[in-house]
């Protein structure tokens, strides 16, 4: 779920990671914690990370199961993924 976020952070050195996280009003430590625990990134933070990454990380990358309900205006935009099939949602609440 966080492959694009991980990849983006790997392209940055420690100082630039800190600047990136700060520009999204968060910390590198928090991002690492969320990625390691597969925790949820809130909608507001997803939007800030999209902006801070100049769009290389999209909010639907960070919220693949419900992005279309949070931001319905993005449905059908270029690059937007298919809407998850609710019939295929696993017991953990994640689309398969």
PDB file of N, CA and C in Angstrom:
ATOM      1  N   UNK A   1       0.824  -1.205   0.000  1.00  0.00           N
ATOM      2  CA  UNK A   1       0.000   0.000   0.000  1.00  0.00           C
ATOM      3  C   UNK A   1       0.862   1.259   0.000  1.00  0.00           C
ATOM      4  N   UNK A   2       1.992   1.202   0.650  1.00  0.00           N
ATOM      5  CA  UNK A   2       2.816   2.405   0.747  1.00  0.00           C
ATOM      6  C   UNK A   2       4.070   2.318  -0.117  1.00  0.00           C
ATOM      7  N   UNK A   3       4.037   1.537  -1.180  1.00  0.00           N
ATOM      8  CA  UNK A   3       5.229   1.349  -2.014  1.00  0.00           C
ATOM      9  C   UNK A   3       5.714   2.661  -2.638  1.00  0.00           C
ATOM     10  N   UNK A   4       4.805   3.500  -3.089  1.00  0.00           N
ATOM     11  CA  UNK A   4       5.234   4.770  -3.701  1.00  0.00           C
ATOM     12  C   UNK A   4       5.795   5.727  -2.664  1.00  0.00           C
ATOM     13  N   UNK A   5       5.231   5.726  -1.472  1.00  0.00           N
ATOM     14  CA  UNK A   5       5.769   6.559  -0.396  1.00  0.00           C
ATOM     15  C   UNK A   5       7.163   6.074  -0.012  1.00  0.00           C
ATOM     16  N   UNK A   6       7.334   4.769   0.135  1.00  0.00           N
ATOM     17  CA  UNK A   6       8.648   4.207   0.470  1.00  0.00           C
ATOM     18  C   UNK A   6       9.661   4.542  -0.609  1.00  0.00           C
ATOM     19  N   UNK A   7       9.267   4.353  -1.860  1.00  0.00           N
ATOM     20  CA  UNK A   7      10.175   4.639  -2.970  1.00  0.00           C
ATOM     21  C   UNK A   7      10.567   6.113  -2.993  1.00  0.00           C
ATOM     22  N   UNK A   8       9.602   6.988  -2.736  1.00  0.00           N
ATOM     23  CA  UNK A   8       9.894   8.427  -2.727  1.00  0.00           C
ATOM     24  C   UNK A   8      10.886   8.757  -1.617  1.00  0.00           C
ATOM     25  N   UNK A   9      10.663   8.217  -0.435  1.00  0.00           N
ATOM     26  CA  UNK A   9      11.573   8.494   0.681  1.00  0.00           C
ATOM     27  C   UNK A   9      12.976   7.979   0.388  1.00  0.00           C
ATOM     28  N   UNK A  10      13.086   6.845  -0.300  1.00  0.00           N
ATOM     29  CA  UNK A  10      14.404   6.279  -0.615  1.00  0.00           C
ATOM     30  C   UNK A  10      15.203   7.171  -1.559  1.00  0.00           C
ATOM     31  N   UNK A  11      14.509   7.992  -2.337  1.00  0.00           N
ATOM     32  CA  UNK A  11      15.220   8.885  -3.262  1.00  0.00           C
ATOM     33  C   UNK A  11      15.779  10.104  -2.544  1.00  0.00           C
ATOM     34  N   UNK A  12      15.376  10.304  -1.309  1.00  0.00           N
ATOM     35  CA  UNK A  12      15.784  11.479  -0.544  1.00  0.00           C
ATOM     36  C   UNK A  12      16.789  11.097   0.534  1.00  0.00           C
ATOM     37  N   UNK A  13      17.758  11.923   0.747  1.00  0.00           N
ATOM     38  CA  UNK A  13      18.656  11.731   1.876  1.00  0.00           C
ATOM     39  C   UNK A  13      17.939  12.110   3.163  1.00  0.00           C
ATOM     40  N   UNK A  14      18.546  11.817   4.311  1.00  0.00           N
ATOM     41  CA  UNK A  14      17.892  12.100   5.598  1.00  0.00           C
ATOM     42  C   UNK A  14      17.424  13.544   5.764  1.00  0.00           C
ATOM     43  N   UNK A  15      18.237  14.499   5.352  1.00  0.00           N
ATOM     44  CA  UNK A  15      17.848  15.902   5.512  1.00  0.00           C
ATOM     45  C   UNK A  15      16.658  16.241   4.617  1.00  0.00           C
ATOM     46  N   UNK A  16      16.673  15.750   3.388  1.00  0.00           N
ATOM     47  CA  UNK A  16      15.560  16.024   2.472  1.00  0.00           C
ATOM     48  C   UNK A  16      14.298  15.279   2.885  1.00  0.00           C
ATOM     49  N   UNK A  17      14.448  14.097   3.499  1.00  0.00           N
ATOM     50  CA  UNK A  17      13.280  13.389   4.028  1.00  0.00           C
ATOM     51  C   UNK A  17      12.598  14.234   5.096  1.00  0.00           C
ATOM     52  N   UNK A  18      13.405  14.840   5.937  1.00  0.00           N
ATOM     53  CA  UNK A  18      12.862  15.687   7.007  1.00  0.00           C
ATOM     54  C   UNK A  18      12.133  16.898   6.422  1.00  0.00           C
ATOM     55  N   UNK A  19      12.709  17.516   5.413  1.00  0.00           N
ATOM     56  CA  UNK A  19      12.076  18.668   4.754  1.00  0.00           C
ATOM     57  C   UNK A  19      10.767  18.230   4.104  1.00  0.00           C
ATOM     58  N   UNK A  20      10.792  17.087   3.410  1.00  0.00           N
ATOM     59  CA  UNK A  20       9.587  16.565   2.765  1.00  0.00           C
ATOM     60  C   UNK A  20       8.487  16.335   3.793  1.00  0.00           C
ATOM     61  N   UNK A  21       8.808  15.636   4.872  1.00  0.00           N
ATOM     62  CA  UNK A  21       7.811  15.351   5.906  1.00  0.00           C
ATOM     63  C   UNK A  21       7.300  16.644   6.534  1.00  0.00           C
ATOM     64  N   UNK A  22       8.199  17.550   6.832  1.00  0.00           N
ATOM     65  CA  UNK A  22       7.796  18.828   7.433  1.00  0.00           C
ATOM     66  C   UNK A  22       6.877  19.612   6.516  1.00  0.00           C
ATOM     67  N   UNK A  23       7.133  19.558   5.217  1.00  0.00           N
ATOM     68  CA  UNK A  23       6.284  20.293   4.283  1.00  0.00           C
ATOM     69  C   UNK A  23       4.877  19.701   4.210  1.00  0.00           C
ATOM     70  N   UNK A  24       4.733  18.456   4.680  1.00  0.00           N
ATOM     71  CA  UNK A  24       3.409  17.823   4.759  1.00  0.00           C
ATOM     72  C   UNK A  24       2.871  17.857   6.197  1.00  0.00           C
ATOM     73  N   UNK A  25       3.518  18.641   7.044  1.00  0.00           N
ATOM     74  CA  UNK A  25       3.109  18.798   8.458  1.00  0.00           C
ATOM     75  C   UNK A  25       3.103  17.470   9.210  1.00  0.00           C
ATOM     76  N   UNK A  26       4.155  16.681   8.986  1.00  0.00           N
ATOM     77  CA  UNK A  26       4.313  15.421   9.701  1.00  0.00           C
ATOM     78  C   UNK A  26       5.799  15.204   9.944  1.00  0.00           C
ATOM     79  N   UNK A  27       6.173  14.022  10.386  1.00  0.00           N
ATOM     80  CA  UNK A  27       7.579  13.710  10.625  1.00  0.00           C
ATOM     81  C   UNK A  27       7.947  12.420   9.904  1.00  0.00           C
ATOM     82  N   UNK A  28       9.245  12.261   9.656  1.00  0.00           N
ATOM     83  CA  UNK A  28       9.727  11.032   9.037  1.00  0.00           C
ATOM     84  C   UNK A  28       9.413   9.855   9.956  1.00  0.00           C
ATOM     85  N   UNK A  29       9.559  10.053  11.253  1.00  0.00           N
ATOM     86  CA  UNK A  29       9.261   8.993  12.214  1.00  0.00           C
ATOM     87  C   UNK A  29       7.820   8.522  12.119  1.00  0.00           C
ATOM     88  N   UNK A  30       6.901   9.455  11.986  1.00  0.00           N
ATOM     89  CA  UNK A  30       5.495   9.081  11.864  1.00  0.00           C
ATOM     90  C   UNK A  30       5.259   8.303  10.575  1.00  0.00           C
ATOM     91  N   UNK A  31       5.829   8.769   9.468  1.00  0.00           N
ATOM     92  CA  UNK A  31       5.653   8.070   8.194  1.00  0.00           C
ATOM     93  C   UNK A  31       6.219   6.659   8.270  1.00  0.00           C
ATOM     94  N   UNK A  32       7.387   6.512   8.888  1.00  0.00           N
ATOM     95  CA  UNK A  32       7.977   5.167   9.049  1.00  0.00           C
ATOM     96  C   UNK A  32       7.085   4.274   9.903  1.00  0.00           C
ATOM     97  N   UNK A  33       6.534   4.840  10.968  1.00  0.00           N
ATOM     98  CA  UNK A  33       5.652   4.050  11.836  1.00  0.00           C
ATOM     99  C   UNK A  33       4.428   3.575  11.069  1.00  0.00           C
ATOM    100  N   UNK A  34       3.794   4.472  10.321  1.00  0.00           N
ATOM    101  CA  UNK A  34       2.601   4.109   9.553  1.00  0.00           C
ATOM    102  C   UNK A  34       2.940   3.029   8.529  1.00  0.00           C
ATOM    103  N   UNK A  35       4.078   3.181   7.851  1.00  0.00           N
ATOM    104  CA  UNK A  35       4.458   2.191   6.840  1.00  0.00           C
ATOM    105  C   UNK A  35       4.773   0.839   7.473  1.00  0.00           C
ATOM    106  N   UNK A  36       5.466   0.840   8.608  1.00  0.00           N
ATOM    107  CA  UNK A  36       5.859  -0.432   9.221  1.00  0.00           C
ATOM    108  C   UNK A  36       4.683  -1.167   9.850  1.00  0.00           C
ATOM    109  N   UNK A  37       3.674  -0.428  10.294  1.00  0.00           N
ATOM    110  CA  UNK A  37       2.510  -1.070  10.915  1.00  0.00           C
ATOM    111  C   UNK A  37       1.345  -1.225   9.951  1.00  0.00           C
ATOM    112  N   UNK A  38       1.549  -0.727   8.720  1.00  0.00           N
ATOM    113  CA  UNK A  38       0.481  -0.727   7.712  1.00  0.00           C
ATOM    114  C   UNK A  38      -0.751   0.015   8.233  1.00  0.00           C
ATOM    115  N   UNK A  39      -0.486   1.062   9.003  1.00  0.00           N
ATOM    116  CA  UNK A  39      -1.557   1.885   9.549  1.00  0.00           C
ATOM    117  C   UNK A  39      -2.170   2.780   8.478  1.00  0.00           C
ATOM    118  N   UNK A  40      -3.231   3.431   8.838  1.00  0.00           N
ATOM    119  CA  UNK A  40      -3.943   4.295   7.892  1.00  0.00           C
ATOM    120  C   UNK A  40      -3.387   5.714   7.921  1.00  0.00           C
ATOM    121  N   UNK A  41      -3.239   6.284   6.755  1.00  0.00           N
ATOM    122  CA  UNK A  41      -2.897   7.702   6.620  1.00  0.00           C
ATOM    123  C   UNK A  41      -4.207   8.432   6.400  1.00  0.00           C
ATOM    124  N   UNK A  42      -4.470   9.426   7.207  1.00  0.00           N
ATOM    125  CA  UNK A  42      -5.717  10.174   7.108  1.00  0.00           C
ATOM    126  C   UNK A  42      -5.826  10.940   5.803  1.00  0.00           C
ATOM    127  N   UNK A  43      -7.045  11.282   5.414  1.00  0.00           N
ATOM    128  CA  UNK A  43      -7.257  12.006   4.160  1.00  0.00           C
ATOM    129  C   UNK A  43      -6.487  13.323   4.060  1.00  0.00           C
ATOM    130  N   UNK A  44      -6.464  14.090   5.130  1.00  0.00           N
ATOM    131  CA  UNK A  44      -5.770  15.382   5.081  1.00  0.00           C
ATOM    132  C   UNK A  44      -4.271  15.189   4.862  1.00  0.00           C
ATOM    133  N   UNK A  45      -3.676  14.221   5.555  1.00  0.00           N
ATOM    134  CA  UNK A  45      -2.249  13.953   5.375  1.00  0.00           C
ATOM    135  C   UNK A  45      -1.985  13.404   3.976  1.00  0.00           C
ATOM    136  N   UNK A  46      -2.861  12.576   3.462  1.00  0.00           N
ATOM    137  CA  UNK A  46      -2.694  12.056   2.101  1.00  0.00           C
ATOM    138  C   UNK A  46      -2.641  13.199   1.095  1.00  0.00           C
ATOM    139  N   UNK A  47      -3.491  14.186   1.272  1.00  0.00           N
ATOM    140  CA  UNK A  47      -3.488  15.350   0.382  1.00  0.00           C
ATOM    141  C   UNK A  47      -2.194  16.150   0.527  1.00  0.00           C
ATOM    142  N   UNK A  48      -1.735  16.317   1.765  1.00  0.00           N
ATOM    143  CA  UNK A  48      -0.495  17.080   1.983  1.00  0.00           C
ATOM    144  C   UNK A  48       0.718  16.354   1.402  1.00  0.00           C
ATOM    145  N   UNK A  49       0.741  15.013   1.512  1.00  0.00           N
ATOM    146  CA  UNK A  49       1.852  14.247   0.954  1.00  0.00           C
ATOM    147  C   UNK A  49       1.841  14.309  -0.572  1.00  0.00           C
ATOM    148  N   UNK A  50       0.646  14.284  -1.164  1.00  0.00           N
ATOM    149  CA  UNK A  50       0.543  14.428  -2.613  1.00  0.00           C
ATOM    150  C   UNK A  50       1.126  15.770  -3.040  1.00  0.00           C
ATOM    151  N   UNK A  51       0.782  16.812  -2.336  1.00  0.00           N
ATOM    152  CA  UNK A  51       1.282  18.144  -2.658  1.00  0.00           C
ATOM    153  C   UNK A  51       2.790  18.254  -2.428  1.00  0.00           C
ATOM    154  N   UNK A  52       3.254  17.742  -1.299  1.00  0.00           N
ATOM    155  CA  UNK A  52       4.679  17.826  -0.969  1.00  0.00           C
ATOM    156  C   UNK A  52       5.546  17.044  -1.945  1.00  0.00           C
ATOM    157  N   UNK A  53       4.980  15.991  -2.539  1.00  0.00           N
ATOM    158  CA  UNK A  53       5.735  15.179  -3.496  1.00  0.00           C
ATOM    159  C   UNK A  53       5.535  15.658  -4.930  1.00  0.00           C
ATOM    160  N   UNK A  54       4.870  16.770  -5.099  1.00  0.00           N
ATOM    161  CA  UNK A  54       4.551  17.315  -6.426  1.00  0.00           C
ATOM    162  C   UNK A  54       3.808  16.303  -7.287  1.00  0.00           C
ATOM    163  N   UNK A  55       2.982  15.498  -6.635  1.00  0.00           N
ATOM    164  CA  UNK A  55       2.136  14.545  -7.349  1.00  0.00           C
ATOM    165  C   UNK A  55       2.761  13.198  -7.636  1.00  0.00           C
ATOM    166  N   UNK A  56       4.018  12.972  -7.231  1.00  0.00           N
ATOM    167  CA  UNK A  56       4.605  11.654  -7.477  1.00  0.00           C
ATOM    168  C   UNK A  56       3.983  10.590  -6.579  1.00  0.00           C
ATOM    169  N   UNK A  57       3.458  11.014  -5.454  1.00  0.00           N
ATOM    170  CA  UNK A  57       2.647  10.144  -4.594  1.00  0.00           C
ATOM    171  C   UNK A  57       1.235  10.694  -4.696  1.00  0.00           C
ATOM    172  N   UNK A  58       0.315   9.882  -5.116  1.00  0.00           N
ATOM    173  CA  UNK A  58      -1.071  10.339  -5.247  1.00  0.00           C
ATOM    174  C   UNK A  58      -1.866   9.890  -4.036  1.00  0.00           C
ATOM    175  N   UNK A  59      -2.875  10.639  -3.692  1.00  0.00           N
ATOM    176  CA  UNK A  59      -3.672  10.304  -2.509  1.00  0.00           C
ATOM    177  C   UNK A  59      -4.334   8.946  -2.644  1.00  0.00           C
ATOM    178  N   UNK A  60      -4.656   8.524  -3.863  1.00  0.00           N
ATOM    179  CA  UNK A  60      -5.256   7.196  -4.029  1.00  0.00           C
ATOM    180  C   UNK A  60      -4.236   6.095  -3.785  1.00  0.00           C
ATOM    181  N   UNK A  61      -2.934   6.404  -3.893  1.00  0.00           N
ATOM    182  CA  UNK A  61      -1.903   5.423  -3.543  1.00  0.00           C
ATOM    183  C   UNK A  61      -1.888   5.169  -2.037  1.00  0.00           C
ATOM    184  N   UNK A  62      -2.224   6.190  -1.286  1.00  0.00           N
ATOM    185  CA  UNK A  62      -2.180   6.109   0.169  1.00  0.00           C
ATOM    186  C   UNK A  62      -3.487   5.631   0.784  1.00  0.00           C
ATOM    187  N   UNK A  63      -4.584   5.735   0.034  1.00  0.00           N
ATOM    188  CA  UNK A  63      -5.902   5.299   0.502  1.00  0.00           C
ATOM    189  C   UNK A  63      -6.589   4.522  -0.626  1.00  0.00           C
ATOM    190  N   UNK A  64      -6.030   3.365  -0.996  1.00  0.00           N
ATOM    191  CA  UNK A  64      -6.526   2.656  -2.178  1.00  0.00           C
ATOM    192  C   UNK A  64      -7.945   2.106  -2.066  1.00  0.00           C
ATOM    193  N   UNK A  65      -8.421   1.908  -0.857  1.00  0.00           N
ATOM    194  CA  UNK A  65      -9.736   1.288  -0.678  1.00  0.00           C
ATOM    195  C   UNK A  65     -10.898   2.268  -0.619  1.00  0.00           C
ATOM    196  N   UNK A  66     -10.619   3.518  -0.266  1.00  0.00           N
ATOM    197  CA  UNK A  66     -11.739   4.442  -0.088  1.00  0.00           C
ATOM    198  C   UNK A  66     -11.522   5.820  -0.712  1.00  0.00           C
ATOM    199  N   UNK A  67     -10.475   5.961  -1.511  1.00  0.00           N
ATOM    200  CA  UNK A  67     -10.179   7.272  -2.088  1.00  0.00           C
ATOM    201  C   UNK A  67     -11.362   7.828  -2.867  1.00  0.00           C
ATOM    202  N   UNK A  68     -12.077   6.956  -3.554  1.00  0.00           N
ATOM    203  CA  UNK A  68     -13.195   7.392  -4.401  1.00  0.00           C
ATOM    204  C   UNK A  68     -14.375   7.915  -3.592  1.00  0.00           C
ATOM    205  N   UNK A  69     -14.486   7.489  -2.330  1.00  0.00           N
ATOM    206  CA  UNK A  69     -15.557   7.990  -1.463  1.00  0.00           C
ATOM    207  C   UNK A  69     -15.160   9.316  -0.820  1.00  0.00           C
ATOM    208  N   UNK A  70     -13.867   9.487  -0.564  1.00  0.00           N
ATOM    209  CA  UNK A  70     -13.374  10.716   0.064  1.00  0.00           C
ATOM    210  C   UNK A  70     -13.272  11.845  -0.960  1.00  0.00           C
ATOM    211  N   UNK A  71     -12.768  11.495  -2.148  1.00  0.00           N
ATOM    212  CA  UNK A  71     -12.554  12.482  -3.208  1.00  0.00           C
ATOM    213  C   UNK A  71     -13.276  12.034  -4.479  1.00  0.00           C
ATOM    214  N   UNK A  72     -14.602  12.039  -4.497  1.00  0.00           N
ATOM    215  CA  UNK A  72     -15.325  11.559  -5.682  1.00  0.00           C
ATOM    216  C   UNK A  72     -15.018  12.377  -6.942  1.00  0.00           C
ATOM    217  N   UNK A  73     -14.558  13.588  -6.759  1.00  0.00           N
ATOM    218  CA  UNK A  73     -14.230  14.424  -7.916  1.00  0.00           C
ATOM    219  C   UNK A  73     -13.022  13.888  -8.696  1.00  0.00           C
ATOM    220  N   UNK A  74     -12.267  12.965  -8.098  1.00  0.00           N
ATOM    221  CA  UNK A  74     -11.103  12.392  -8.774  1.00  0.00           C
ATOM    222  C   UNK A  74     -11.428  11.157  -9.600  1.00  0.00           C
ATOM    223  N   UNK A  75     -12.621  10.603  -9.418  1.00  0.00           N
ATOM    224  CA  UNK A  75     -13.015   9.411 -10.179  1.00  0.00           C
ATOM    225  C   UNK A  75     -12.987   9.757 -11.668  1.00  0.00           C
ATOM    226  N   UNK A  76     -12.284   8.945 -12.431  1.00  0.00           N
ATOM    227  CA  UNK A  76     -12.206   9.160 -13.867  1.00  0.00           C
ATOM    228  C   UNK A  76     -11.111  10.107 -14.317  1.00  0.00           C
ATOM    229  N   UNK A  77     -10.360  10.686 -13.376  1.00  0.00           N
ATOM    230  CA  UNK A  77      -9.266  11.566 -13.791  1.00  0.00           C
ATOM    231  C   UNK A  77      -8.102  10.722 -14.292  1.00  0.00           C
ATOM    232  N   UNK A  78      -7.251  11.344 -15.074  1.00  0.00           N
ATOM    233  CA  UNK A  78      -6.108  10.637 -15.641  1.00  0.00           C
ATOM    234  C   UNK A  78      -5.250  10.029 -14.540  1.00  0.00           C
ATOM    235  N   UNK A  79      -4.944   8.749 -14.689  1.00  0.00           N
ATOM    236  CA  UNK A  79      -4.115   8.042 -13.715  1.00  0.00           C
ATOM    237  C   UNK A  79      -4.867   7.448 -12.552  1.00  0.00           C
ATOM    238  N   UNK A  80      -6.125   7.794 -12.395  1.00  0.00           N
ATOM    239  CA  UNK A  80      -6.904   7.271 -11.264  1.00  0.00           C
ATOM    240  C   UNK A  80      -7.120   5.764 -11.437  1.00  0.00           C
ATOM    241  N   UNK A  81      -6.952   5.011 -10.356  1.00  0.00           N
ATOM    242  CA  UNK A  81      -7.177   3.572 -10.447  1.00  0.00           C
ATOM    243  C   UNK A  81      -8.665   3.252 -10.520  1.00  0.00           C
ATOM    244  N   UNK A  82      -8.950   2.009 -10.821  1.00  0.00           N
ATOM    245  CA  UNK A  82     -10.334   1.552 -10.805  1.00  0.00           C
ATOM    246  C   UNK A  82     -10.872   1.638  -9.385  1.00  0.00           C
ATOM    247  N   UNK A  83     -12.163   1.801  -9.287  1.00  0.00           N
ATOM    248  CA  UNK A  83     -12.806   1.813  -7.977  1.00  0.00           C
ATOM    249  C   UNK A  83     -12.796   0.388  -7.443  1.00  0.00           C
ATOM    250  N   UNK A  84     -12.369   0.192  -6.184  1.00  0.00           N
ATOM    251  CA  UNK A  84     -12.319  -1.163  -5.628  1.00  0.00           C
ATOM    252  C   UNK A  84     -13.688  -1.836  -5.659  1.00  0.00           C
ATOM    253  N   UNK A  85     -13.686  -3.107  -5.977  1.00  0.00           N
ATOM    254  CA  UNK A  85     -14.906  -3.909  -5.980  1.00  0.00           C
ATOM    255  C   UNK A  85     -15.220  -4.275  -4.536  1.00  0.00           C
ATOM    256  N   UNK A  86     -16.283  -3.723  -3.994  1.00  0.00           N
ATOM    257  CA  UNK A  86     -16.622  -3.954  -2.594  1.00  0.00           C
ATOM    258  C   UNK A  86     -16.881  -5.425  -2.291  1.00  0.00           C
ATOM    259  N   UNK A  87     -17.246  -6.202  -3.280  1.00  0.00           N
ATOM    260  CA  UNK A  87     -17.480  -7.627  -3.062  1.00  0.00           C
ATOM    261  C   UNK A  87     -16.177  -8.370  -2.799  1.00  0.00           C
ATOM    262  N   UNK A  88     -15.046  -7.756  -3.170  1.00  0.00           N
ATOM    263  CA  UNK A  88     -13.755  -8.414  -2.996  1.00  0.00           C
ATOM    264  C   UNK A  88     -12.978  -7.885  -1.801  1.00  0.00           C
ATOM    265  N   UNK A  89     -13.615  -7.107  -0.958  1.00  0.00           N
ATOM    266  CA  UNK A  89     -12.915  -6.566   0.207  1.00  0.00           C
ATOM    267  C   UNK A  89     -12.701  -7.699   1.201  1.00  0.00           C
ATOM    268  N   UNK A  90     -11.462  -7.835   1.643  1.00  0.00           N
ATOM    269  CA  UNK A  90     -11.108  -8.911   2.568  1.00  0.00           C
ATOM    270  C   UNK A  90     -11.625  -8.610   3.970  1.00  0.00           C
ATOM    271  N   UNK A  91     -11.469  -9.565   4.859  1.00  0.00           N
ATOM    272  CA  UNK A  91     -11.927  -9.419   6.241  1.00  0.00           C
ATOM    273  C   UNK A  91     -11.217  -8.281   6.957  1.00  0.00           C
ATOM    274  N   UNK A  92      -9.981  -7.961   6.545  1.00  0.00           N
ATOM    275  CA  UNK A  92      -9.232  -6.883   7.169  1.00  0.00           C
ATOM    276  C   UNK A  92      -9.712  -5.515   6.715  1.00  0.00           C
ATOM    277  N   UNK A  93     -10.624  -5.482   5.763  1.00  0.00           N
ATOM    278  CA  UNK A  93     -11.146  -4.208   5.278  1.00  0.00           C
ATOM    279  C   UNK A  93     -10.357  -3.636   4.136  1.00  0.00           C
ATOM    280  N   UNK A  94      -9.478  -4.428   3.529  1.00  0.00           N
ATOM    281  CA  UNK A  94      -8.658  -3.958   2.420  1.00  0.00           C
ATOM    282  C   UNK A  94      -9.121  -4.648   1.146  1.00  0.00           C
ATOM    283  N   UNK A  95      -9.099  -3.913   0.050  1.00  0.00           N
ATOM    284  CA  UNK A  95      -9.448  -4.520  -1.234  1.00  0.00           C
ATOM    285  C   UNK A  95      -8.343  -5.486  -1.624  1.00  0.00           C
ATOM    286  N   UNK A  96      -8.727  -6.580  -2.226  1.00  0.00           N
ATOM    287  CA  UNK A  96      -7.727  -7.582  -2.641  1.00  0.00           C
ATOM    288  C   UNK A  96      -7.158  -7.246  -3.982  1.00  0.00           C
TER     289      UNK A  96
END
